[in-house]
PDB file of N, CA and C in Angstrom:
ATOM      1  N   UNK A   1     -17.302 -11.537 -11.208  1.00  0.00           N
ATOM      2  CA  UNK A   1     -18.114 -10.389 -10.859  1.00  0.00           C
ATOM      3  C   UNK A   1     -17.372  -9.110 -11.264  1.00  0.00           C
ATOM      4  N   UNK A   2     -17.949  -8.295 -12.141  1.00  0.00           N
ATOM      5  CA  UNK A   2     -17.230  -7.118 -12.633  1.00  0.00           C
ATOM      6  C   UNK A   2     -17.391  -5.856 -11.778  1.00  0.00           C
ATOM      7  N   UNK A   3     -18.349  -5.828 -10.834  1.00  0.00           N
ATOM      8  CA  UNK A   3     -18.603  -4.612 -10.061  1.00  0.00           C
ATOM      9  C   UNK A   3     -18.465  -4.878  -8.564  1.00  0.00           C
ATOM     10  N   UNK A   4     -17.877  -3.915  -7.856  1.00  0.00           N
ATOM     11  CA  UNK A   4     -17.659  -4.048  -6.415  1.00  0.00           C
ATOM     12  C   UNK A   4     -17.977  -2.731  -5.726  1.00  0.00           C
ATOM     13  N   UNK A   5     -18.512  -2.810  -4.535  1.00  0.00           N
ATOM     14  CA  UNK A   5     -18.631  -1.646  -3.659  1.00  0.00           C
ATOM     15  C   UNK A   5     -17.472  -1.760  -2.675  1.00  0.00           C
ATOM     16  N   UNK A   6     -16.460  -0.917  -2.825  1.00  0.00           N
ATOM     17  CA  UNK A   6     -15.257  -1.050  -1.993  1.00  0.00           C
ATOM     18  C   UNK A   6     -15.565  -0.845  -0.513  1.00  0.00           C
ATOM     19  N   UNK A   7     -16.682  -0.194  -0.191  1.00  0.00           N
ATOM     20  CA  UNK A   7     -17.066  -0.011   1.205  1.00  0.00           C
ATOM     21  C   UNK A   7     -17.601  -1.291   1.833  1.00  0.00           C
ATOM     22  N   UNK A   8     -17.898  -2.297   1.008  1.00  0.00           N
ATOM     23  CA  UNK A   8     -18.441  -3.555   1.517  1.00  0.00           C
ATOM     24  C   UNK A   8     -17.439  -4.704   1.470  1.00  0.00           C
ATOM     25  N   UNK A   9     -16.208  -4.440   1.044  1.00  0.00           N
ATOM     26  CA  UNK A   9     -15.193  -5.491   0.992  1.00  0.00           C
ATOM     27  C   UNK A   9     -14.699  -5.817   2.397  1.00  0.00           C
ATOM     28  N   UNK A  10     -14.283  -7.063   2.603  1.00  0.00           N
ATOM     29  CA  UNK A  10     -13.772  -7.516   3.903  1.00  0.00           C
ATOM     30  C   UNK A  10     -12.429  -6.857   4.196  1.00  0.00           C
ATOM     31  N   UNK A  11     -12.328  -6.214   5.353  1.00  0.00           N
ATOM     32  CA  UNK A  11     -11.108  -5.502   5.734  1.00  0.00           C
ATOM     33  C   UNK A  11     -10.150  -6.449   6.465  1.00  0.00           C
ATOM     34  N   UNK A  12      -8.884  -6.422   6.060  1.00  0.00           N
ATOM     35  CA  UNK A  12      -7.851  -7.294   6.619  1.00  0.00           C
ATOM     36  C   UNK A  12      -6.812  -6.432   7.345  1.00  0.00           C
ATOM     37  N   UNK A  13      -6.453  -6.786   8.607  1.00  0.00           N
ATOM     38  CA  UNK A  13      -5.371  -6.054   9.271  1.00  0.00           C
ATOM     39  C   UNK A  13      -4.030  -6.408   8.643  1.00  0.00           C
ATOM     40  N   UNK A  14      -3.175  -5.407   8.439  1.00  0.00           N
ATOM     41  CA  UNK A  14      -1.870  -5.642   7.825  1.00  0.00           C
ATOM     42  C   UNK A  14      -0.774  -5.537   8.879  1.00  0.00           C
ATOM     43  N   UNK A  15      -0.429  -4.326   9.308  1.00  0.00           N
ATOM     44  CA  UNK A  15       0.614  -4.104  10.307  1.00  0.00           C
ATOM     45  C   UNK A  15       0.463  -2.679  10.838  1.00  0.00           C
ATOM     46  N   UNK A  16       0.827  -2.445  12.102  1.00  0.00           N
ATOM     47  CA  UNK A  16       0.827  -1.100  12.695  1.00  0.00           C
ATOM     48  C   UNK A  16      -0.505  -0.368  12.556  1.00  0.00           C
ATOM     49  N   UNK A  17      -1.623  -1.105  12.659  1.00  0.00           N
ATOM     50  CA  UNK A  17      -2.947  -0.498  12.563  1.00  0.00           C
ATOM     51  C   UNK A  17      -3.434  -0.267  11.147  1.00  0.00           C
ATOM     52  N   UNK A  18      -2.605  -0.586  10.152  1.00  0.00           N
ATOM     53  CA  UNK A  18      -2.968  -0.416   8.741  1.00  0.00           C
ATOM     54  C   UNK A  18      -3.879  -1.567   8.334  1.00  0.00           C
ATOM     55  N   UNK A  19      -4.971  -1.247   7.644  1.00  0.00           N
ATOM     56  CA  UNK A  19      -5.871  -2.281   7.136  1.00  0.00           C
ATOM     57  C   UNK A  19      -6.017  -2.124   5.631  1.00  0.00           C
ATOM     58  N   UNK A  20      -6.429  -3.220   4.989  1.00  0.00           N
ATOM     59  CA  UNK A  20      -6.636  -3.144   3.542  1.00  0.00           C
ATOM     60  C   UNK A  20      -7.775  -4.030   3.100  1.00  0.00           C
ATOM     61  N   UNK A  21      -8.317  -3.676   1.943  1.00  0.00           N
ATOM     62  CA  UNK A  21      -9.280  -4.496   1.226  1.00  0.00           C
ATOM     63  C   UNK A  21      -8.721  -4.664  -0.179  1.00  0.00           C
ATOM     64  N   UNK A  22      -9.207  -5.657  -0.910  1.00  0.00           N
ATOM     65  CA  UNK A  22      -8.634  -5.891  -2.237  1.00  0.00           C
ATOM     66  C   UNK A  22      -9.663  -6.447  -3.204  1.00  0.00           C
ATOM     67  N   UNK A  23      -9.405  -6.172  -4.476  1.00  0.00           N
ATOM     68  CA  UNK A  23     -10.172  -6.714  -5.598  1.00  0.00           C
ATOM     69  C   UNK A  23      -9.171  -7.408  -6.511  1.00  0.00           C
ATOM     70  N   UNK A  24      -9.543  -8.593  -7.025  1.00  0.00           N
ATOM     71  CA  UNK A  24      -8.627  -9.378  -7.848  1.00  0.00           C
ATOM     72  C   UNK A  24      -9.181  -9.612  -9.242  1.00  0.00           C
ATOM     73  N   UNK A  25      -8.341  -9.349 -10.232  1.00  0.00           N
ATOM     74  CA  UNK A  25      -8.617  -9.738 -11.601  1.00  0.00           C
ATOM     75  C   UNK A  25      -7.676 -10.873 -11.959  1.00  0.00           C
ATOM     76  N   UNK A  26      -7.746 -11.324 -13.191  1.00  0.00           N
ATOM     77  CA  UNK A  26      -6.876 -12.410 -13.633  1.00  0.00           C
ATOM     78  C   UNK A  26      -5.414 -11.971 -13.675  1.00  0.00           C
ATOM     79  N   UNK A  27      -5.154 -10.727 -14.086  1.00  0.00           N
ATOM     80  CA  UNK A  27      -3.770 -10.262 -14.256  1.00  0.00           C
ATOM     81  C   UNK A  27      -3.424  -9.023 -13.446  1.00  0.00           C
ATOM     82  N   UNK A  28      -4.341  -8.567 -12.598  1.00  0.00           N
ATOM     83  CA  UNK A  28      -4.096  -7.354 -11.817  1.00  0.00           C
ATOM     84  C   UNK A  28      -4.908  -7.426 -10.519  1.00  0.00           C
ATOM     85  N   UNK A  29      -4.415  -6.759  -9.489  1.00  0.00           N
ATOM     86  CA  UNK A  29      -5.193  -6.608  -8.258  1.00  0.00           C
ATOM     87  C   UNK A  29      -5.100  -5.157  -7.800  1.00  0.00           C
ATOM     88  N   UNK A  30      -6.113  -4.740  -7.044  1.00  0.00           N
ATOM     89  CA  UNK A  30      -6.137  -3.396  -6.476  1.00  0.00           C
ATOM     90  C   UNK A  30      -6.363  -3.542  -4.976  1.00  0.00           C
ATOM     91  N   UNK A  31      -5.494  -2.915  -4.192  1.00  0.00           N
ATOM     92  CA  UNK A  31      -5.640  -2.893  -2.737  1.00  0.00           C
ATOM     93  C   UNK A  31      -5.962  -1.471  -2.303  1.00  0.00           C
ATOM     94  N   UNK A  32      -6.889  -1.350  -1.369  1.00  0.00           N
ATOM     95  CA  UNK A  32      -7.245  -0.062  -0.779  1.00  0.00           C
ATOM     96  C   UNK A  32      -6.776  -0.093   0.666  1.00  0.00           C
ATOM     97  N   UNK A  33      -5.851   0.789   1.019  1.00  0.00           N
ATOM     98  CA  UNK A  33      -5.282   0.808   2.358  1.00  0.00           C
ATOM     99  C   UNK A  33      -5.826   1.973   3.165  1.00  0.00           C
ATOM    100  N   UNK A  34      -6.134   1.704   4.425  1.00  0.00           N
ATOM    101  CA  UNK A  34      -6.494   2.724   5.404  1.00  0.00           C
ATOM    102  C   UNK A  34      -5.351   2.781   6.408  1.00  0.00           C
ATOM    103  N   UNK A  35      -4.746   3.953   6.539  1.00  0.00           N
ATOM    104  CA  UNK A  35      -3.542   4.106   7.353  1.00  0.00           C
ATOM    105  C   UNK A  35      -3.792   5.118   8.470  1.00  0.00           C
ATOM    106  N   UNK A  36      -3.640   4.700   9.733  1.00  0.00           N
ATOM    107  CA  UNK A  36      -3.814   5.640  10.839  1.00  0.00           C
ATOM    108  C   UNK A  36      -2.764   6.750  10.800  1.00  0.00           C
ATOM    109  N   UNK A  37      -3.037   7.869  11.457  1.00  0.00           N
ATOM    110  CA  UNK A  37      -2.043   8.937  11.528  1.00  0.00           C
ATOM    111  C   UNK A  37      -0.712   8.414  12.070  1.00  0.00           C
ATOM    112  N   UNK A  38       0.377   8.833  11.464  1.00  0.00           N
ATOM    113  CA  UNK A  38       1.743   8.532  11.892  1.00  0.00           C
ATOM    114  C   UNK A  38       2.106   7.045  11.829  1.00  0.00           C
ATOM    115  N   UNK A  39       1.288   6.226  11.161  1.00  0.00           N
ATOM    116  CA  UNK A  39       1.613   4.801  11.029  1.00  0.00           C
ATOM    117  C   UNK A  39       2.697   4.611   9.973  1.00  0.00           C
ATOM    118  N   UNK A  40       3.317   3.411   9.991  1.00  0.00           N
ATOM    119  CA  UNK A  40       4.385   3.138   9.035  1.00  0.00           C
ATOM    120  C   UNK A  40       4.286   1.703   8.532  1.00  0.00           C
ATOM    121  N   UNK A  41       4.711   1.521   7.303  1.00  0.00           N
ATOM    122  CA  UNK A  41       4.852   0.198   6.709  1.00  0.00           C
ATOM    123  C   UNK A  41       6.348  -0.003   6.517  1.00  0.00           C
ATOM    124  N   UNK A  42       6.943  -0.969   7.235  1.00  0.00           N
ATOM    125  CA  UNK A  42       8.400  -1.150   7.183  1.00  0.00           C
ATOM    126  C   UNK A  42       8.906  -1.444   5.773  1.00  0.00           C
ATOM    127  N   UNK A  43      10.184  -1.210   5.581  1.00  0.00           N
ATOM    128  CA  UNK A  43      10.805  -1.453   4.281  1.00  0.00           C
ATOM    129  C   UNK A  43      10.623  -2.924   3.892  1.00  0.00           C
ATOM    130  N   UNK A  44      10.187  -3.130   2.651  1.00  0.00           N
ATOM    131  CA  UNK A  44       9.903  -4.479   2.149  1.00  0.00           C
ATOM    132  C   UNK A  44      10.005  -4.456   0.629  1.00  0.00           C
ATOM    133  N   UNK A  45       9.857  -5.621   0.037  1.00  0.00           N
ATOM    134  CA  UNK A  45       9.798  -5.710  -1.424  1.00  0.00           C
ATOM    135  C   UNK A  45       8.951  -6.914  -1.804  1.00  0.00           C
ATOM    136  N   UNK A  46       8.535  -6.964  -3.057  1.00  0.00           N
ATOM    137  CA  UNK A  46       7.755  -8.087  -3.577  1.00  0.00           C
ATOM    138  C   UNK A  46       8.003  -8.190  -5.075  1.00  0.00           C
ATOM    139  N   UNK A  47       7.592  -9.304  -5.647  1.00  0.00           N
ATOM    140  CA  UNK A  47       7.866  -9.571  -7.066  1.00  0.00           C
ATOM    141  C   UNK A  47       6.942  -8.798  -8.001  1.00  0.00           C
ATOM    142  N   UNK A  48       5.903  -8.171  -7.462  1.00  0.00           N
ATOM    143  CA  UNK A  48       4.915  -7.469  -8.281  1.00  0.00           C
ATOM    144  C   UNK A  48       5.358  -6.050  -8.606  1.00  0.00           C
ATOM    145  N   UNK A  49       5.004  -5.583  -9.808  1.00  0.00           N
ATOM    146  CA  UNK A  49       5.109  -4.154 -10.088  1.00  0.00           C
ATOM    147  C   UNK A  49       3.927  -3.486  -9.390  1.00  0.00           C
ATOM    148  N   UNK A  50       4.133  -2.292  -8.840  1.00  0.00           N
ATOM    149  CA  UNK A  50       3.110  -1.612  -8.055  1.00  0.00           C
ATOM    150  C   UNK A  50       2.959  -0.176  -8.531  1.00  0.00           C
ATOM    151  N   UNK A  51       1.716   0.234  -8.721  1.00  0.00           N
ATOM    152  CA  UNK A  51       1.392   1.630  -8.999  1.00  0.00           C
ATOM    153  C   UNK A  51       0.446   2.065  -7.892  1.00  0.00           C
ATOM    154  N   UNK A  52       0.734   3.188  -7.245  1.00  0.00           N
ATOM    155  CA  UNK A  52      -0.098   3.649  -6.140  1.00  0.00           C
ATOM    156  C   UNK A  52      -0.576   5.067  -6.343  1.00  0.00           C
ATOM    157  N   UNK A  53      -1.708   5.372  -5.724  1.00  0.00           N
ATOM    158  CA  UNK A  53      -2.293   6.709  -5.768  1.00  0.00           C
ATOM    159  C   UNK A  53      -2.729   7.066  -4.348  1.00  0.00           C
ATOM    160  N   UNK A  54      -2.270   8.207  -3.854  1.00  0.00           N
ATOM    161  CA  UNK A  54      -2.694   8.678  -2.540  1.00  0.00           C
ATOM    162  C   UNK A  54      -4.085   9.293  -2.691  1.00  0.00           C
ATOM    163  N   UNK A  55      -5.048   8.743  -1.963  1.00  0.00           N
ATOM    164  CA  UNK A  55      -6.427   9.219  -2.040  1.00  0.00           C
ATOM    165  C   UNK A  55      -6.739  10.272  -0.982  1.00  0.00           C
ATOM    166  N   UNK A  56      -5.993  10.237   0.133  1.00  0.00           N
ATOM    167  CA  UNK A  56      -6.194  11.214   1.200  1.00  0.00           C
ATOM    168  C   UNK A  56      -4.993  11.182   2.135  1.00  0.00           C
ATOM    169  N   UNK A  57      -4.707  12.296   2.782  1.00  0.00           N
ATOM    170  CA  UNK A  57      -3.606  12.385   3.733  1.00  0.00           C
ATOM    171  C   UNK A  57      -2.276  12.670   3.057  1.00  0.00           C
ATOM    172  N   UNK A  58      -1.213  12.621   3.862  1.00  0.00           N
ATOM    173  CA  UNK A  58       0.148  12.814   3.353  1.00  0.00           C
ATOM    174  C   UNK A  58       1.008  11.647   3.804  1.00  0.00           C
ATOM    175  N   UNK A  59       1.740  11.084   2.853  1.00  0.00           N
ATOM    176  CA  UNK A  59       2.549   9.895   3.098  1.00  0.00           C
ATOM    177  C   UNK A  59       3.960  10.154   2.602  1.00  0.00           C
ATOM    178  N   UNK A  60       4.933   9.863   3.453  1.00  0.00           N
ATOM    179  CA  UNK A  60       6.329   9.936   3.028  1.00  0.00           C
ATOM    180  C   UNK A  60       6.733   8.559   2.513  1.00  0.00           C
ATOM    181  N   UNK A  61       7.080   8.512   1.235  1.00  0.00           N
ATOM    182  CA  UNK A  61       7.487   7.264   0.592  1.00  0.00           C
ATOM    183  C   UNK A  61       8.983   7.239   0.402  1.00  0.00           C
ATOM    184  N   UNK A  62       9.579   6.094   0.639  1.00  0.00           N
ATOM    185  CA  UNK A  62      10.945   5.835   0.212  1.00  0.00           C
ATOM    186  C   UNK A  62      10.868   4.670  -0.756  1.00  0.00           C
ATOM    187  N   UNK A  63      11.299   4.916  -1.985  1.00  0.00           N
ATOM    188  CA  UNK A  63      11.302   3.896  -3.037  1.00  0.00           C
ATOM    189  C   UNK A  63      12.732   3.808  -3.532  1.00  0.00           C
ATOM    190  N   UNK A  64      13.370   2.677  -3.269  1.00  0.00           N
ATOM    191  CA  UNK A  64      14.790   2.569  -3.581  1.00  0.00           C
ATOM    192  C   UNK A  64      15.550   3.573  -2.743  1.00  0.00           C
ATOM    193  N   UNK A  65      16.271   4.473  -3.391  1.00  0.00           N
ATOM    194  CA  UNK A  65      17.076   5.489  -2.694  1.00  0.00           C
ATOM    195  C   UNK A  65      16.392   6.854  -2.639  1.00  0.00           C
ATOM    196  N   UNK A  66      15.173   6.968  -3.188  1.00  0.00           N
ATOM    197  CA  UNK A  66      14.500   8.270  -3.263  1.00  0.00           C
ATOM    198  C   UNK A  66      13.358   8.364  -2.256  1.00  0.00           C
ATOM    199  N   UNK A  67      13.282   9.492  -1.557  1.00  0.00           N
ATOM    200  CA  UNK A  67      12.219   9.743  -0.581  1.00  0.00           C
ATOM    201  C   UNK A  67      11.470  11.008  -0.985  1.00  0.00           C
ATOM    202  N   UNK A  68      10.142  10.936  -0.881  1.00  0.00           N
ATOM    203  CA  UNK A  68       9.318  12.088  -1.240  1.00  0.00           C
ATOM    204  C   UNK A  68       8.020  12.047  -0.440  1.00  0.00           C
ATOM    205  N   UNK A  69       7.491  13.220  -0.099  1.00  0.00           N
ATOM    206  CA  UNK A  69       6.178  13.298   0.543  1.00  0.00           C
ATOM    207  C   UNK A  69       5.129  13.423  -0.550  1.00  0.00           C
ATOM    208  N   UNK A  70       4.149  12.535  -0.492  1.00  0.00           N
ATOM    209  CA  UNK A  70       3.078  12.492  -1.489  1.00  0.00           C
ATOM    210  C   UNK A  70       1.754  12.816  -0.808  1.00  0.00           C
ATOM    211  N   UNK A  71       1.020  13.759  -1.373  1.00  0.00           N
ATOM    212  CA  UNK A  71      -0.297  14.119  -0.873  1.00  0.00           C
ATOM    213  C   UNK A  71      -1.382  13.615  -1.809  1.00  0.00           C
ATOM    214  N   UNK A  72      -2.607  13.934  -1.474  1.00  0.00           N
ATOM    215  CA  UNK A  72      -3.775  13.517  -2.250  1.00  0.00           C
ATOM    216  C   UNK A  72      -3.563  13.823  -3.728  1.00  0.00           C
ATOM    217  N   UNK A  73      -3.782  12.805  -4.562  1.00  0.00           N
ATOM    218  CA  UNK A  73      -3.652  12.961  -6.004  1.00  0.00           C
ATOM    219  C   UNK A  73      -2.283  12.603  -6.559  1.00  0.00           C
ATOM    220  N   UNK A  74      -1.300  12.407  -5.689  1.00  0.00           N
ATOM    221  CA  UNK A  74       0.041  12.012  -6.150  1.00  0.00           C
ATOM    222  C   UNK A  74       0.056  10.509  -6.431  1.00  0.00           C
ATOM    223  N   UNK A  75       0.835  10.122  -7.427  1.00  0.00           N
ATOM    224  CA  UNK A  75       0.951   8.711  -7.807  1.00  0.00           C
ATOM    225  C   UNK A  75       2.426   8.336  -7.875  1.00  0.00           C
ATOM    226  N   UNK A  76       2.699   7.048  -7.838  1.00  0.00           N
ATOM    227  CA  UNK A  76       4.073   6.550  -7.884  1.00  0.00           C
ATOM    228  C   UNK A  76       4.086   5.171  -8.531  1.00  0.00           C
ATOM    229  N   UNK A  77       5.260   4.773  -9.009  1.00  0.00           N
ATOM    230  CA  UNK A  77       5.458   3.449  -9.607  1.00  0.00           C
ATOM    231  C   UNK A  77       6.633   2.792  -8.893  1.00  0.00           C
ATOM    232  N   UNK A  78       6.445   1.534  -8.481  1.00  0.00           N
ATOM    233  CA  UNK A  78       7.507   0.769  -7.835  1.00  0.00           C
ATOM    234  C   UNK A  78       7.776  -0.467  -8.684  1.00  0.00           C
ATOM    235  N   UNK A  79       8.968  -0.569  -9.287  1.00  0.00           N
ATOM    236  CA  UNK A  79       9.305  -1.755 -10.069  1.00  0.00           C
ATOM    237  C   UNK A  79       9.384  -3.002  -9.178  1.00  0.00           C
ATOM    238  N   UNK A  80       9.286  -4.192  -9.763  1.00  0.00           N
ATOM    239  CA  UNK A  80       9.402  -5.422  -8.983  1.00  0.00           C
ATOM    240  C   UNK A  80      10.713  -5.472  -8.195  1.00  0.00           C
ATOM    241  N   UNK A  81      10.626  -6.013  -6.980  1.00  0.00           N
ATOM    242  CA  UNK A  81      11.779  -6.281  -6.106  1.00  0.00           C
ATOM    243  C   UNK A  81      12.542  -5.049  -5.634  1.00  0.00           C
ATOM    244  N   UNK A  82      12.007  -3.846  -5.807  1.00  0.00           N
ATOM    245  CA  UNK A  82      12.664  -2.636  -5.307  1.00  0.00           C
ATOM    246  C   UNK A  82      12.200  -2.402  -3.863  1.00  0.00           C
ATOM    247  N   UNK A  83      13.129  -2.284  -2.916  1.00  0.00           N
ATOM    248  CA  UNK A  83      12.748  -2.026  -1.527  1.00  0.00           C
ATOM    249  C   UNK A  83      12.018  -0.681  -1.399  1.00  0.00           C
ATOM    250  N   UNK A  84      10.973  -0.669  -0.573  1.00  0.00           N
ATOM    251  CA  UNK A  84      10.207   0.555  -0.361  1.00  0.00           C
ATOM    252  C   UNK A  84       9.524   0.522   1.005  1.00  0.00           C
ATOM    253  N   UNK A  85       9.194   1.709   1.505  1.00  0.00           N
ATOM    254  CA  UNK A  85       8.526   1.839   2.797  1.00  0.00           C
ATOM    255  C   UNK A  85       7.691   3.112   2.784  1.00  0.00           C
ATOM    256  N   UNK A  86       6.844   3.257   3.799  1.00  0.00           N
ATOM    257  CA  UNK A  86       6.051   4.478   3.902  1.00  0.00           C
ATOM    258  C   UNK A  86       5.813   4.836   5.354  1.00  0.00           C
ATOM    259  N   UNK A  87       5.594   6.129   5.580  1.00  0.00           N
ATOM    260  CA  UNK A  87       5.215   6.669   6.883  1.00  0.00           C
ATOM    261  C   UNK A  87       4.134   7.715   6.636  1.00  0.00           C
ATOM    262  N   UNK A  88       3.021   7.621   7.359  1.00  0.00           N
ATOM    263  CA  UNK A  88       1.993   8.658   7.271  1.00  0.00           C
ATOM    264  C   UNK A  88       2.508   9.856   8.064  1.00  0.00           C
ATOM    265  N   UNK A  89       2.663  10.986   7.408  1.00  0.00           N
ATOM    266  CA  UNK A  89       3.211  12.169   8.077  1.00  0.00           C
ATOM    267  C   UNK A  89       2.127  13.156   8.496  1.00  0.00           C
ATOM    268  N   UNK A  90       0.888  12.907   8.082  1.00  0.00           N
ATOM    269  CA  UNK A  90      -0.212  13.777   8.498  1.00  0.00           C
ATOM    270  C   UNK A  90      -0.766  13.280   9.833  1.00  0.00           C
ATOM    271  N   UNK A  91      -1.384  14.184  10.567  1.00  0.00           N
ATOM    272  CA  UNK A  91      -1.979  13.812  11.848  1.00  0.00           C
ATOM    273  C   UNK A  91      -3.430  13.383  11.665  1.00  0.00           C
ATOM    274  N   UNK A  92      -3.778  13.084  10.437  1.00  0.00           N
ATOM    275  CA  UNK A  92      -5.094  12.515  10.135  1.00  0.00           C
ATOM    276  C   UNK A  92      -4.862  11.250   9.320  1.00  0.00           C
ATOM    277  N   UNK A  93      -5.845  10.369   9.264  1.00  0.00           N
ATOM    278  CA  UNK A  93      -5.655   9.124   8.510  1.00  0.00           C
ATOM    279  C   UNK A  93      -5.354   9.389   7.039  1.00  0.00           C
ATOM    280  N   UNK A  94      -4.695   8.422   6.431  1.00  0.00           N
ATOM    281  CA  UNK A  94      -4.409   8.481   4.996  1.00  0.00           C
ATOM    282  C   UNK A  94      -5.093   7.304   4.316  1.00  0.00           C
ATOM    283  N   UNK A  95      -5.391   7.481   3.042  1.00  0.00           N
ATOM    284  CA  UNK A  95      -5.977   6.412   2.222  1.00  0.00           C
ATOM    285  C   UNK A  95      -5.143   6.294   0.961  1.00  0.00           C
ATOM    286  N   UNK A  96      -5.024   5.064   0.497  1.00  0.00           N
ATOM    287  CA  UNK A  96      -4.134   4.761  -0.609  1.00  0.00           C
ATOM    288  C   UNK A  96      -4.744   3.650  -1.449  1.00  0.00           C
ATOM    289  N   UNK A  97      -4.606   3.742  -2.766  1.00  0.00           N
ATOM    290  CA  UNK A  97      -4.973   2.646  -3.671  1.00  0.00           C
ATOM    291  C   UNK A  97      -3.694   2.148  -4.328  1.00  0.00           C
ATOM    292  N   UNK A  98      -3.453   0.847  -4.260  1.00  0.00           N
ATOM    293  CA  UNK A  98      -2.281   0.220  -4.876  1.00  0.00           C
ATOM    294  C   UNK A  98      -2.741  -0.781  -5.924  1.00  0.00           C
ATOM    295  N   UNK A  99      -2.149  -0.700  -7.104  1.00  0.00           N
ATOM    296  CA  UNK A  99      -2.442  -1.621  -8.199  1.00  0.00           C
ATOM    297  C   UNK A  99      -1.218  -2.509  -8.382  1.00  0.00           C
ATOM    298  N   UNK A 100      -1.432  -3.821  -8.452  1.00  0.00           N
ATOM    299  CA  UNK A 100      -0.330  -4.777  -8.574  1.00  0.00           C
ATOM    300  C   UNK A 100      -0.504  -5.655  -9.802  1.00  0.00           C
ATOM    301  N   UNK A 101       0.607  -5.892 -10.497  1.00  0.00           N
ATOM    302  CA  UNK A 101       0.637  -6.888 -11.551  1.00  0.00           C
ATOM    303  C   UNK A 101       1.961  -7.632 -11.474  1.00  0.00           C
ATOM    304  N   UNK A 102       1.948  -8.949 -11.513  1.00  0.00           N
ATOM    305  CA  UNK A 102       0.756  -9.797 -11.424  1.00  0.00           C
ATOM    306  C   UNK A 102       0.018  -9.545 -10.108  1.00  0.00           C
ATOM    307  N   UNK A 103      -1.214 -10.062 -10.001  1.00  0.00           N
ATOM    308  CA  UNK A 103      -2.002  -9.814  -8.796  1.00  0.00           C
ATOM    309  C   UNK A 103      -1.232 -10.210  -7.535  1.00  0.00           C
ATOM    310  N   UNK A 104      -1.389  -9.425  -6.484  1.00  0.00           N
ATOM    311  CA  UNK A 104      -0.756  -9.726  -5.203  1.00  0.00           C
ATOM    312  C   UNK A 104      -1.848 -10.099  -4.213  1.00  0.00           C
ATOM    313  N   UNK A 105      -1.866 -11.364  -3.821  1.00  0.00           N
ATOM    314  CA  UNK A 105      -2.866 -11.844  -2.868  1.00  0.00           C
ATOM    315  C   UNK A 105      -2.550 -11.317  -1.474  1.00  0.00           C
ATOM    316  N   UNK A 106      -3.571 -10.949  -0.724  1.00  0.00           N
ATOM    317  CA  UNK A 106      -3.388 -10.451   0.635  1.00  0.00           C
ATOM    318  C   UNK A 106      -2.655 -11.485   1.486  1.00  0.00           C
ATOM    319  N   UNK A 107      -2.856 -12.756   1.196  1.00  0.00           N
ATOM    320  CA  UNK A 107      -2.243 -13.813   2.003  1.00  0.00           C
ATOM    321  C   UNK A 107      -0.756 -13.996   1.718  1.00  0.00           C
ATOM    322  N   UNK A 108      -0.221 -13.372   0.657  1.00  0.00           N
ATOM    323  CA  UNK A 108       1.205 -13.487   0.367  1.00  0.00           C
ATOM    324  C   UNK A 108       1.975 -12.608   1.335  1.00  0.00           C
ATOM    325  N   UNK A 109       2.926 -13.179   2.081  1.00  0.00           N
ATOM    326  CA  UNK A 109       3.665 -12.348   3.037  1.00  0.00           C
ATOM    327  C   UNK A 109       4.583 -11.361   2.328  1.00  0.00           C
ATOM    328  N   UNK A 110       4.711 -10.184   2.917  1.00  0.00           N
ATOM    329  CA  UNK A 110       5.687  -9.216   2.422  1.00  0.00           C
ATOM    330  C   UNK A 110       7.071  -9.676   2.842  1.00  0.00           C
ATOM    331  N   UNK A 111       8.058  -9.375   2.039  1.00  0.00           N
ATOM    332  CA  UNK A 111       9.438  -9.680   2.397  1.00  0.00           C
ATOM    333  C   UNK A 111      10.006  -8.443   3.086  1.00  0.00           C
ATOM    334  N   UNK A 112       9.857  -8.412   4.431  1.00  0.00           N
ATOM    335  CA  UNK A 112      10.345  -7.272   5.205  1.00  0.00           C
ATOM    336  C   UNK A 112      11.858  -7.301   5.262  1.00  0.00           C
ATOM    337  N   UNK A 113      12.463  -6.136   5.159  1.00  0.00           N
ATOM    338  CA  UNK A 113      13.910  -6.029   5.184  1.00  0.00           C
ATOM    339  C   UNK A 113      14.409  -5.490   6.521  1.00  0.00           C
ATOM    340  N   UNK A 114      13.505  -5.276   7.451  1.00  0.00           N
ATOM    341  CA  UNK A 114      13.871  -4.893   8.814  1.00  0.00           C
ATOM    342  C   UNK A 114      12.841  -5.525   9.728  1.00  0.00           C
ATOM    343  N   UNK A 115      13.081  -5.487  11.023  1.00  0.00           N
ATOM    344  CA  UNK A 115      12.148  -6.095  11.960  1.00  0.00           C
ATOM    345  C   UNK A 115      10.786  -5.424  11.863  1.00  0.00           C
ATOM    346  N   UNK A 116       9.750  -6.243  11.814  1.00  0.00           N
ATOM    347  CA  UNK A 116       8.384  -5.756  11.707  1.00  0.00           C
ATOM    348  C   UNK A 116       7.884  -5.321  13.072  1.00  0.00           C
ATOM    349  N   UNK A 117       7.209  -4.182  13.146  1.00  0.00           N
ATOM    350  CA  UNK A 117       6.636  -3.684  14.398  1.00  0.00           C
ATOM    351  C   UNK A 117       5.119  -3.749  14.274  1.00  0.00           C
ATOM    352  N   UNK A 118       4.464  -4.393  15.236  1.00  0.00           N
ATOM    353  CA  UNK A 118       3.006  -4.487  15.190  1.00  0.00           C
ATOM    354  C   UNK A 118       2.394  -3.795  16.370  1.00  0.00           C
TER     355      UNK A 118
END
């Protein structure tokens, strides 16, 4: 199926109130994340290369040793196996689109590098 309405995709809970939906191709996947105000995704890594775009809100990203606040329209690239984390720094929800290659299935566990808080 080549066309999707992202508003009709099944939403999956991730961690700390963060939810996501996803679309899968043969060699790429796209995840759409909804992040509550002040939520965080603990430091983790995965084998996929990741490109992300902030669609709304402000998110503080740490990728490797670099930390930056990214607002709507900002994009980033995370190489495979590089530790990274995020914190929503706005007092309103944030939205994010993440592109993964090879595709990253929602059912694949993240390799957390610190204790996970739910």
